[in-house]
Amino acid sequence: MTEAAGNHGAGVVASLRRWTTRAVPATPQERAAALWSFAYFFMLLAGYYVLRPLRDQMGIAGGVRNLPWLFTATFVTLLVAQPLYGALVARLPRSRFIPIVYHFFVVNLLLFWILLTFHISTTLVAQVFYVWVSVFNLFAVAVFWSFMADLFTADQGKRLFGFIGAGGTAGALLGPVITIGLSVPIGPVNLLLAAIVLLEAAVFCVYRLERAVTVHEARRAEQQILLGGGAFAALSELVRSPYLLGIAAWISLQSFCATILYFQQIHLVAAGVHGAGAQTRIFASIDLAVNLLTLATQLVATGQVLKRFGTGATAAALPAIYVVGFLAIFFVPTLAVVMTAQVAQRWLHFALAQPARQVFYTVLDREAKYKAKNLIDVVIYRGSDALYGWVFDSLQALGLKLAGIALVACPVAAVWLVVSAALGRAQEQRAKHNAATAATAAAAAVE
């Protein structure tokens, strides 16, 4: 009986190992790093999606017409935060500055919890919290993907980033479940404590990931190397590099299309759906559909699509769906069509375009991965959001309805598609050049 139980247990373990081998497209040496990266992203996005409903509630309560001002306040905050982040990156090794960034966010959450619990300047704190969550989301995720681009090569990124991204999607499913389950029993403000626990768990994953990194034996010592430079080094790095400028253009064009569609959705929901509960259910249904589709795609298809079609074609899937979506909205400007376009674009964004975009960064040097990347993914992204929020308002002021605005956005999405293809070609060329350089250096070392 005991022997049979032991054999059964061994069989379960063997089956689990076989399943893990199939599910994680990694070599045995890469697997630990891939799994800890999955867990890191899982905890990070679970924490964010606990906070997101609180932010959206405060944003809607402030009025739809105030959204451009909130977007602008977020951008101004990032302009102040970016050089501080650049100075931190320049003075500390990776193994130290990444945990410091997340611990800083945890301290912020504790302050928010104290202020909201004791009802200190509640209205002002709510407005600051809306902006803070928007800043936190971009910084926290940008730091994560900078870390991934530093750990993995372009080839490894194509195989592993889909699986690692699935960790974030799974966390994005858990976060709303926590919020729904605990918001009434413990109160919305105390959800901040749940987010703190999840962020600290993400920091634990960072420490374990640093210990598990055997992906680049030659790079292991780099985690202690200072990147150097000044707080504003990212700006000069960006201006000097056509490749980085191309990525910045990609991000800005994405922001244009996403902001236009988001504002269309908000206006249609505000006009056609009455009651906070009904509006919340619509937003939740979109999130649920997006996250389920994304998780399924990341687990079974993202890596294969990137390997087969390359980064350019994979990234171009997102602007292509925007072209189709904006044309559909032009002909049928209804909430159902806008919601369908929103689900489709967010699905392809998280499942395909985002992993492809992160591979764009794997061919850059370490300073560009942490400094210029953060400038593009955070400051330029939110700056574009702020600008295009006002563009939407201006188009409405000129008398354009939602259908007309969709028609204006369509050629912008087409330009974005061309930029995607060009970046894909440039990334492949850089990857080949880096591989040839590494091979030459290795041969010289042997001689």
Protein backbone atom coordinates (compact mmCIF):
# COMPACT_ATOMS: atom_id res chain seq x y z
CA MET A 1 0.00 0.00 0.00
CA THR A 2 2.78 2.41 0.96
CA GLU A 3 4.81 1.40 -2.09
CA ALA A 4 1.78 1.93 -4.33
CA ALA A 5 1.19 5.36 -2.83
CA GLY A 6 4.84 6.20 -3.35
CA ASN A 7 4.67 5.10 -6.99
CA HIS A 8 1.52 7.17 -7.46
CA GLY A 9 3.23 10.23 -5.98
CA ALA A 10 6.27 9.73 -8.19
CA GLY A 11 3.95 9.47 -11.19
CA VAL A 12 2.24 12.73 -10.29
CA VAL A 13 5.60 14.48 -9.93
CA ALA A 14 6.76 13.10 -13.28
CA SER A 15 3.53 14.23 -14.95
CA LEU A 16 3.90 17.67 -13.41
CA ARG A 17 7.46 17.93 -14.72
CA ARG A 18 6.36 16.90 -18.21
CA TRP A 19 3.55 19.47 -18.15
CA THR A 20 5.96 22.18 -16.98
CA THR A 21 8.39 21.28 -19.75
CA ARG A 22 5.64 21.65 -22.35
CA ALA A 23 4.13 24.81 -20.86
CA VAL A 24 7.40 26.69 -20.32
CA PRO A 25 9.32 27.05 -23.63
CA ALA A 26 12.67 27.16 -21.81
CA THR A 27 15.79 25.06 -21.52
CA PRO A 28 16.49 23.49 -18.11
CA GLN A 29 18.99 26.29 -17.43
CA GLU A 30 16.40 28.97 -18.27
CA ARG A 31 13.41 27.41 -16.50
CA ALA A 32 14.00 28.74 -12.98
CA ALA A 33 14.48 32.29 -14.27
CA ALA A 34 11.37 32.01 -16.46
CA LEU A 35 9.22 30.72 -13.57
CA TRP A 36 10.39 33.40 -11.13
CA SER A 37 9.81 36.04 -13.83
CA PHE A 38 6.28 34.65 -14.27
CA ALA A 39 5.69 34.87 -10.51
CA TYR A 40 7.17 38.40 -10.32
CA PHE A 41 4.83 39.71 -13.03
CA PHE A 42 1.90 37.81 -11.50
CA MET A 43 2.31 39.52 -8.12
CA LEU A 44 2.96 42.93 -9.68
CA LEU A 45 -0.16 43.02 -11.85
CA ALA A 46 -2.32 41.41 -9.19
CA GLY A 47 -1.39 44.35 -6.95
CA TYR A 48 -2.13 46.86 -9.70
CA TYR A 49 -5.52 45.36 -10.53
CA VAL A 50 -6.47 45.57 -6.86
CA LEU A 51 -5.81 49.32 -7.07
CA ARG A 52 -7.27 49.99 -10.52
CA PRO A 53 -10.99 49.85 -9.58
CA LEU A 54 -10.35 52.40 -6.82
CA ARG A 55 -8.65 54.70 -9.32
CA ASP A 56 -11.42 54.38 -11.92
CA GLN A 57 -14.08 55.06 -9.30
CA MET A 58 -12.34 58.30 -8.34
CA GLY A 59 -11.88 59.26 -12.00
CA ILE A 60 -15.55 58.79 -12.92
CA ALA A 61 -16.70 60.63 -9.79
CA GLY A 62 -14.56 63.59 -10.89
CA GLY A 63 -16.42 63.87 -14.20
CA VAL A 64 -15.64 62.70 -17.73
CA ARG A 65 -14.76 66.23 -18.83
CA ASN A 66 -11.94 66.34 -16.29
CA LEU A 67 -10.11 63.32 -17.75
CA PRO A 68 -7.77 65.42 -19.96
CA TRP A 69 -6.72 67.37 -16.85
CA LEU A 70 -6.01 64.14 -14.96
CA PHE A 71 -3.99 62.83 -17.90
CA THR A 72 -2.04 66.10 -17.97
CA ALA A 73 -1.38 65.97 -14.22
CA THR A 74 -0.04 62.43 -14.66
CA PHE A 75 2.34 63.60 -17.37
CA VAL A 76 3.62 66.52 -15.28
CA THR A 77 4.23 64.15 -12.37
CA LEU A 78 6.22 61.85 -14.64
CA LEU A 79 8.34 64.76 -15.85
CA VAL A 80 9.41 65.29 -12.25
CA ALA A 81 9.83 61.60 -11.46
CA GLN A 82 11.83 60.59 -14.55
CA PRO A 83 15.12 62.40 -13.72
CA LEU A 84 14.89 61.11 -10.13
CA TYR A 85 14.58 57.58 -11.48
CA GLY A 86 17.47 58.23 -13.88
CA ALA A 87 19.68 59.37 -11.00
CA LEU A 88 18.78 56.25 -9.00
CA VAL A 89 19.59 53.94 -11.91
CA ALA A 90 22.92 55.71 -12.47
CA ARG A 91 24.08 55.27 -8.87
CA LEU A 92 22.86 51.80 -7.88
CA PRO A 93 23.30 48.31 -9.34
CA ARG A 94 20.25 46.53 -10.67
CA SER A 95 20.00 44.19 -7.69
CA ARG A 96 19.47 47.21 -5.42
CA PHE A 97 17.55 49.85 -7.37
CA ILE A 98 14.71 47.55 -8.49
CA PRO A 99 13.67 46.61 -4.91
CA ILE A 100 14.09 50.27 -3.85
CA VAL A 101 11.59 51.39 -6.53
CA TYR A 102 8.96 48.92 -5.30
CA HIS A 103 9.59 49.63 -1.61
CA PHE A 104 9.06 53.32 -2.40
CA PHE A 105 5.65 52.51 -3.89
CA VAL A 106 4.78 50.45 -0.80
CA VAL A 107 5.58 53.42 1.47
CA ASN A 108 3.34 55.61 -0.72
CA LEU A 109 0.47 53.14 -0.34
CA LEU A 110 0.89 53.13 3.43
CA LEU A 111 0.61 56.94 3.43
CA PHE A 112 -2.52 56.81 1.28
CA TRP A 113 -4.02 54.20 3.62
CA ILE A 114 -3.37 56.40 6.68
CA LEU A 115 -4.80 59.54 5.04
CA LEU A 116 -7.92 57.81 3.71
CA THR A 117 -8.52 55.79 6.89
CA PHE A 118 -8.52 58.91 9.05
CA HIS A 119 -10.40 61.00 6.43
CA ILE A 120 -7.66 63.59 6.02
CA SER A 121 -8.34 65.87 3.00
CA THR A 122 -10.25 63.04 1.35
CA THR A 123 -11.11 64.85 -1.91
CA LEU A 124 -7.56 66.03 -2.53
CA VAL A 125 -6.11 62.64 -1.58
CA ALA A 126 -8.53 60.94 -4.00
CA GLN A 127 -7.37 63.16 -6.86
CA VAL A 128 -3.71 62.56 -6.02
CA PHE A 129 -4.38 58.84 -5.77
CA TYR A 130 -5.85 58.74 -9.31
CA VAL A 131 -2.69 60.32 -10.71
CA TRP A 132 -0.43 58.19 -8.49
CA VAL A 133 -1.93 54.89 -9.69
CA SER A 134 -1.42 55.96 -13.32
CA VAL A 135 2.23 56.78 -12.58
CA PHE A 136 2.73 53.61 -10.55
CA ASN A 137 1.36 51.41 -13.32
CA LEU A 138 3.77 52.70 -15.94
CA PHE A 139 6.85 52.87 -13.72
CA ALA A 140 6.34 49.47 -12.11
CA VAL A 141 5.68 47.69 -15.41
CA ALA A 142 8.49 49.56 -17.22
CA VAL A 143 10.98 48.50 -14.53
CA PHE A 144 9.78 44.90 -14.88
CA TRP A 145 10.25 44.79 -18.64
CA SER A 146 13.61 46.58 -18.41
CA PHE A 147 14.70 43.76 -16.10
CA MET A 148 13.42 41.14 -18.57
CA ALA A 149 15.18 42.80 -21.52
CA ASP A 150 18.39 42.79 -19.47
CA LEU A 151 18.12 39.13 -18.50
CA PHE A 152 17.13 37.55 -21.80
CA THR A 153 18.50 37.74 -25.33
CA ALA A 154 16.32 38.48 -28.37
CA ASP A 155 15.98 34.76 -29.17
CA GLN A 156 15.07 33.92 -25.58
CA GLY A 157 12.62 36.82 -25.47
CA LYS A 158 10.77 35.46 -28.49
CA ARG A 159 10.40 32.10 -26.75
CA LEU A 160 9.80 33.23 -23.18
CA PHE A 161 8.14 36.66 -23.14
CA GLY A 162 4.75 35.23 -24.06
CA PHE A 163 4.89 32.81 -21.13
CA ILE A 164 6.22 35.48 -18.75
CA GLY A 165 3.55 37.91 -19.94
CA ALA A 166 0.95 35.26 -19.08
CA GLY A 167 2.03 35.62 -15.46
CA GLY A 168 0.94 39.24 -15.56
CA THR A 169 -2.34 38.32 -17.21
CA ALA A 170 -3.04 35.70 -14.53
CA GLY A 171 -2.33 38.35 -11.90
CA ALA A 172 -4.68 40.70 -13.73
CA LEU A 173 -7.39 38.07 -13.26
CA LEU A 174 -6.62 37.57 -9.57
CA GLY A 175 -6.58 41.29 -8.69
CA PRO A 176 -10.25 41.95 -9.53
CA VAL A 177 -11.26 38.75 -7.73
CA ILE A 178 -9.55 40.03 -4.57
CA THR A 179 -11.23 43.41 -4.96
CA ILE A 180 -14.69 41.91 -5.50
CA GLY A 181 -14.27 39.49 -2.59
CA LEU A 182 -12.80 41.90 -0.03
CA SER A 183 -14.13 45.36 -0.88
CA VAL A 184 -17.32 44.87 1.17
CA PRO A 185 -16.01 42.80 4.13
CA ILE A 186 -12.93 44.95 4.81
CA GLY A 187 -13.82 48.18 2.98
CA PRO A 188 -12.27 49.67 -0.19
CA VAL A 189 -9.55 51.61 1.65
CA ASN A 190 -8.19 48.45 3.28
CA LEU A 191 -7.62 46.98 -0.18
CA LEU A 192 -4.48 49.12 -0.16
CA LEU A 193 -3.07 46.69 2.41
CA ALA A 194 -3.73 43.77 0.08
CA ALA A 195 -1.87 45.62 -2.69
CA ILE A 196 1.05 46.21 -0.30
CA VAL A 197 1.31 42.47 0.43
CA LEU A 198 1.32 41.66 -3.29
CA LEU A 199 4.02 44.26 -4.04
CA GLU A 200 6.24 42.91 -1.28
CA ALA A 201 5.72 39.42 -2.73
CA ALA A 202 6.90 40.83 -6.09
CA VAL A 203 10.07 42.13 -4.41
CA PHE A 204 10.68 38.65 -2.97
CA CYS A 205 10.42 37.27 -6.51
CA VAL A 206 13.01 39.83 -7.67
CA TYR A 207 15.49 38.58 -5.06
CA ARG A 208 14.86 34.94 -6.02
CA LEU A 209 15.14 35.78 -9.70
CA GLU A 210 18.53 37.41 -9.19
CA ARG A 211 19.71 34.23 -7.46
CA ALA A 212 18.21 31.97 -10.14
CA VAL A 213 19.70 33.76 -13.12
CA THR A 214 21.78 31.26 -15.01
CA VAL A 215 20.47 32.43 -18.36
CA HIS A 216 23.57 34.50 -19.10
CA GLU A 217 26.49 33.14 -17.12
CA ALA A 218 28.75 35.78 -18.63
CA ARG A 219 26.33 38.51 -17.52
CA ARG A 220 25.87 37.33 -13.96
CA ALA A 221 28.34 39.92 -12.62
CA GLU A 222 26.53 42.71 -14.47
CA GLN A 223 23.85 42.92 -11.80
CA GLN A 224 26.45 44.67 -9.61
CA ILE A 225 27.74 47.00 -12.34
CA LEU A 226 26.67 50.62 -12.08
CA LEU A 227 25.15 52.04 -15.24
CA GLY A 228 26.59 55.49 -14.55
CA GLY A 229 25.65 58.62 -16.45
CA GLY A 230 23.46 61.46 -15.25
CA ALA A 231 19.81 61.80 -14.37
CA PHE A 232 19.04 63.15 -17.88
CA ALA A 233 21.26 60.71 -19.82
CA ALA A 234 18.20 58.95 -21.27
CA LEU A 235 17.21 62.06 -23.25
CA SER A 236 20.53 62.37 -25.08
CA GLU A 237 20.55 58.60 -25.65
CA LEU A 238 17.12 58.84 -27.26
CA VAL A 239 17.94 61.83 -29.48
CA ARG A 240 21.12 60.19 -30.82
CA SER A 241 19.50 56.88 -31.79
CA PRO A 242 17.17 56.56 -34.82
CA TYR A 243 16.22 53.11 -33.52
CA LEU A 244 15.10 54.48 -30.14
CA LEU A 245 13.29 57.34 -31.87
CA GLY A 246 11.46 54.70 -33.90
CA ILE A 247 10.36 52.93 -30.73
CA ALA A 248 9.29 56.29 -29.26
CA ALA A 249 7.22 56.96 -32.40
CA TRP A 250 5.66 53.49 -32.05
CA ILE A 251 4.66 54.25 -28.46
CA SER A 252 3.25 57.67 -29.32
CA LEU A 253 1.18 56.30 -32.21
CA GLN A 254 -0.12 53.55 -29.95
CA SER A 255 -1.08 56.17 -27.38
CA PHE A 256 -2.98 58.17 -30.01
CA CYS A 257 -5.09 55.22 -31.11
CA ALA A 258 -5.66 53.93 -27.57
CA THR A 259 -6.62 57.36 -26.21
CA ILE A 260 -9.09 58.03 -29.03
CA LEU A 261 -10.77 54.66 -28.53
CA TYR A 262 -10.79 55.03 -24.73
CA PHE A 263 -12.46 58.44 -24.89
CA GLN A 264 -15.02 57.13 -27.39
CA GLN A 265 -15.83 54.30 -25.00
CA ILE A 266 -16.10 56.59 -21.96
CA HIS A 267 -18.41 59.03 -23.74
CA LEU A 268 -20.71 56.28 -25.03
CA VAL A 269 -20.89 54.57 -21.63
CA ALA A 270 -21.56 57.87 -19.86
CA ALA A 271 -24.32 58.75 -22.34
CA GLY A 272 -25.97 55.35 -22.72
CA VAL A 273 -25.44 53.45 -19.47
CA HIS A 274 -26.92 54.88 -16.29
CA GLY A 275 -25.87 54.01 -12.77
CA ALA A 276 -22.43 53.37 -11.32
CA GLY A 277 -23.16 49.67 -10.90
CA ALA A 278 -24.08 49.15 -14.55
CA GLN A 279 -21.06 51.13 -15.74
CA THR A 280 -18.76 49.15 -13.46
CA ARG A 281 -20.14 45.86 -14.81
CA ILE A 282 -19.42 46.96 -18.39
CA PHE A 283 -15.82 47.88 -17.58
CA ALA A 284 -15.39 44.65 -15.61
CA SER A 285 -16.77 42.57 -18.48
CA ILE A 286 -14.26 44.16 -20.87
CA ASP A 287 -11.40 43.45 -18.45
CA LEU A 288 -12.52 39.84 -17.98
CA ALA A 289 -12.85 39.16 -21.70
CA VAL A 290 -9.47 40.76 -22.45
CA ASN A 291 -7.62 38.91 -19.71
CA LEU A 292 -9.09 35.50 -20.54
CA LEU A 293 -8.31 35.85 -24.25
CA THR A 294 -4.83 37.17 -23.49
CA LEU A 295 -3.96 34.39 -21.04
CA ALA A 296 -5.04 31.68 -23.46
CA THR A 297 -3.03 33.26 -26.30
CA GLN A 298 0.10 33.84 -24.23
CA LEU A 299 0.19 30.27 -22.99
CA VAL A 300 -0.23 28.58 -26.37
CA ALA A 301 0.54 30.97 -29.23
CA THR A 302 2.60 34.10 -28.46
CA GLY A 303 6.01 32.43 -28.53
CA GLN A 304 5.23 30.53 -31.74
CA VAL A 305 3.89 33.66 -33.46
CA LEU A 306 6.99 35.68 -32.54
CA LYS A 307 9.35 32.93 -33.72
CA ARG A 308 7.51 32.34 -36.98
CA PHE A 309 6.59 35.88 -38.04
CA GLY A 310 9.17 38.00 -36.20
CA THR A 311 8.76 41.11 -34.10
CA GLY A 312 7.70 43.45 -36.90
CA ALA A 313 4.72 41.45 -38.15
CA THR A 314 3.69 40.53 -34.59
CA ALA A 315 3.78 44.15 -33.43
CA ALA A 316 1.92 45.22 -36.59
CA ALA A 317 -1.08 43.07 -35.62
CA LEU A 318 -2.13 45.77 -33.13
CA PRO A 319 -2.31 48.75 -35.54
CA ALA A 320 -3.97 46.46 -38.08
CA ILE A 321 -6.82 45.72 -35.68
CA TYR A 322 -7.13 49.45 -34.97
CA VAL A 323 -7.54 50.17 -38.69
CA VAL A 324 -10.37 47.63 -38.84
CA GLY A 325 -11.88 48.86 -35.57
CA PHE A 326 -11.90 52.55 -36.51
CA LEU A 327 -13.48 51.76 -39.89
CA ALA A 328 -16.17 49.72 -38.12
CA ILE A 329 -16.86 52.59 -35.71
CA PHE A 330 -17.09 55.02 -38.64
CA PHE A 331 -19.82 52.94 -40.26
CA VAL A 332 -21.55 51.79 -37.03
CA PRO A 333 -20.70 54.19 -34.13
CA THR A 334 -22.39 52.22 -31.35
CA LEU A 335 -21.26 51.13 -27.89
CA ALA A 336 -21.29 47.46 -28.90
CA VAL A 337 -18.87 48.11 -31.79
CA VAL A 338 -16.59 50.27 -29.62
CA MET A 339 -16.54 47.62 -26.88
CA THR A 340 -15.70 44.92 -29.43
CA ALA A 341 -12.85 47.03 -30.81
CA GLN A 342 -11.64 47.72 -27.27
CA VAL A 343 -11.55 44.04 -26.36
CA ALA A 344 -9.80 43.13 -29.62
CA GLN A 345 -7.11 45.80 -29.39
CA ARG A 346 -6.35 45.19 -25.71
CA TRP A 347 -6.20 41.44 -26.33
CA LEU A 348 -3.69 41.80 -29.19
CA HIS A 349 -1.79 44.47 -27.26
CA PHE A 350 -1.12 42.26 -24.26
CA ALA A 351 -0.91 38.92 -26.09
CA LEU A 352 1.23 39.88 -29.09
CA ALA A 353 2.27 43.53 -29.45
CA GLN A 354 3.66 44.06 -25.96
CA PRO A 355 5.94 40.98 -25.99
CA ALA A 356 7.11 41.99 -29.48
CA ARG A 357 7.82 45.54 -28.30
CA GLN A 358 9.85 44.24 -25.37
CA VAL A 359 11.97 42.19 -27.79
CA PHE A 360 12.79 45.48 -29.58
CA TYR A 361 14.75 46.47 -26.45
CA THR A 362 16.76 43.24 -26.08
CA VAL A 363 19.25 44.34 -28.78
CA LEU A 364 20.20 47.55 -26.92
CA ASP A 365 22.94 48.16 -24.37
CA ARG A 366 22.13 48.07 -20.63
CA GLU A 367 21.96 51.85 -20.19
CA ALA A 368 19.38 52.13 -22.97
CA LYS A 369 17.39 49.23 -21.49
CA TYR A 370 16.96 50.94 -18.12
CA LYS A 371 17.14 54.66 -18.91
CA ALA A 372 15.98 55.32 -22.47
CA LYS A 373 13.41 52.53 -22.24
CA ASN A 374 11.90 54.01 -19.11
CA LEU A 375 11.82 57.47 -20.70
CA ILE A 376 9.95 56.07 -23.72
CA ASP A 377 7.61 53.68 -21.92
CA VAL A 378 6.73 56.09 -19.13
CA VAL A 379 7.23 59.77 -19.96
CA ILE A 380 6.64 59.72 -23.71
CA TYR A 381 3.72 57.33 -23.28
CA ARG A 382 1.93 59.47 -20.68
CA GLY A 383 2.91 62.68 -22.42
CA SER A 384 1.27 61.36 -25.57
CA ASP A 385 -1.80 60.39 -23.54
CA ALA A 386 -2.09 63.93 -22.21
CA LEU A 387 -1.63 65.48 -25.66
CA TYR A 388 -4.09 63.22 -27.43
CA GLY A 389 -6.72 63.67 -24.72
CA TRP A 390 -6.77 67.35 -25.68
CA VAL A 391 -6.71 66.41 -29.38
CA PHE A 392 -9.92 64.41 -28.86
CA ASP A 393 -11.52 67.39 -27.13
CA SER A 394 -10.40 69.67 -29.97
CA LEU A 395 -11.87 67.38 -32.62
CA GLN A 396 -15.16 67.41 -30.74
CA ALA A 397 -15.00 71.21 -30.50
CA LEU A 398 -14.65 71.33 -34.30
CA GLY A 399 -17.98 69.53 -34.54
CA LEU A 400 -16.79 66.00 -35.30
CA LYS A 401 -18.89 63.18 -33.91
CA LEU A 402 -17.45 59.83 -32.82
CA ALA A 403 -17.71 58.41 -36.36
CA GLY A 404 -15.78 61.35 -37.81
CA ILE A 405 -13.09 61.10 -35.13
CA ALA A 406 -12.70 57.39 -35.92
CA LEU A 407 -12.16 58.23 -39.58
CA VAL A 408 -9.45 60.76 -38.64
CA ALA A 409 -7.71 58.14 -36.48
CA CYS A 410 -7.70 55.45 -39.18
CA PRO A 411 -4.75 56.76 -41.27
CA VAL A 412 -2.74 57.32 -38.08
CA ALA A 413 -3.15 53.61 -37.30
CA ALA A 414 -1.99 52.82 -40.86
CA VAL A 415 1.19 54.87 -40.34
CA TRP A 416 1.75 53.02 -37.07
CA LEU A 417 1.54 49.70 -38.95
CA VAL A 418 4.34 50.81 -41.31
CA VAL A 419 6.50 51.88 -38.32
CA SER A 420 5.99 48.42 -36.79
CA ALA A 421 7.30 46.69 -39.90
CA ALA A 422 10.33 49.01 -40.11
CA LEU A 423 11.20 48.46 -36.44
CA GLY A 424 10.94 44.71 -36.89
CA ARG A 425 13.49 44.79 -39.71
CA ALA A 426 15.84 47.01 -37.67
CA GLN A 427 15.57 44.72 -34.63
CA GLU A 428 16.42 41.62 -36.67
CA GLN A 429 19.47 43.38 -38.18
CA ARG A 430 20.69 44.47 -34.75
CA ALA A 431 20.19 40.97 -33.36
CA LYS A 432 22.30 39.46 -36.15
CA HIS A 433 25.00 42.11 -35.65
CA ASN A 434 25.09 41.50 -31.87
CA ALA A 435 25.32 37.73 -32.41
CA ALA A 436 28.19 38.14 -34.88
CA THR A 437 30.01 40.49 -32.52
CA ALA A 438 29.60 38.08 -29.61
CA ALA A 439 30.86 35.18 -31.73
CA THR A 440 33.91 37.18 -32.79
CA ALA A 441 34.66 38.15 -29.18
CA ALA A 442 34.32 34.53 -28.06
CA ALA A 443 36.68 33.33 -30.78
CA ALA A 444 39.21 36.00 -29.85
CA ALA A 445 39.01 34.97 -26.21
CA VAL A 446 39.73 31.33 -27.08
CA GLU A 447 42.77 32.33 -29.12
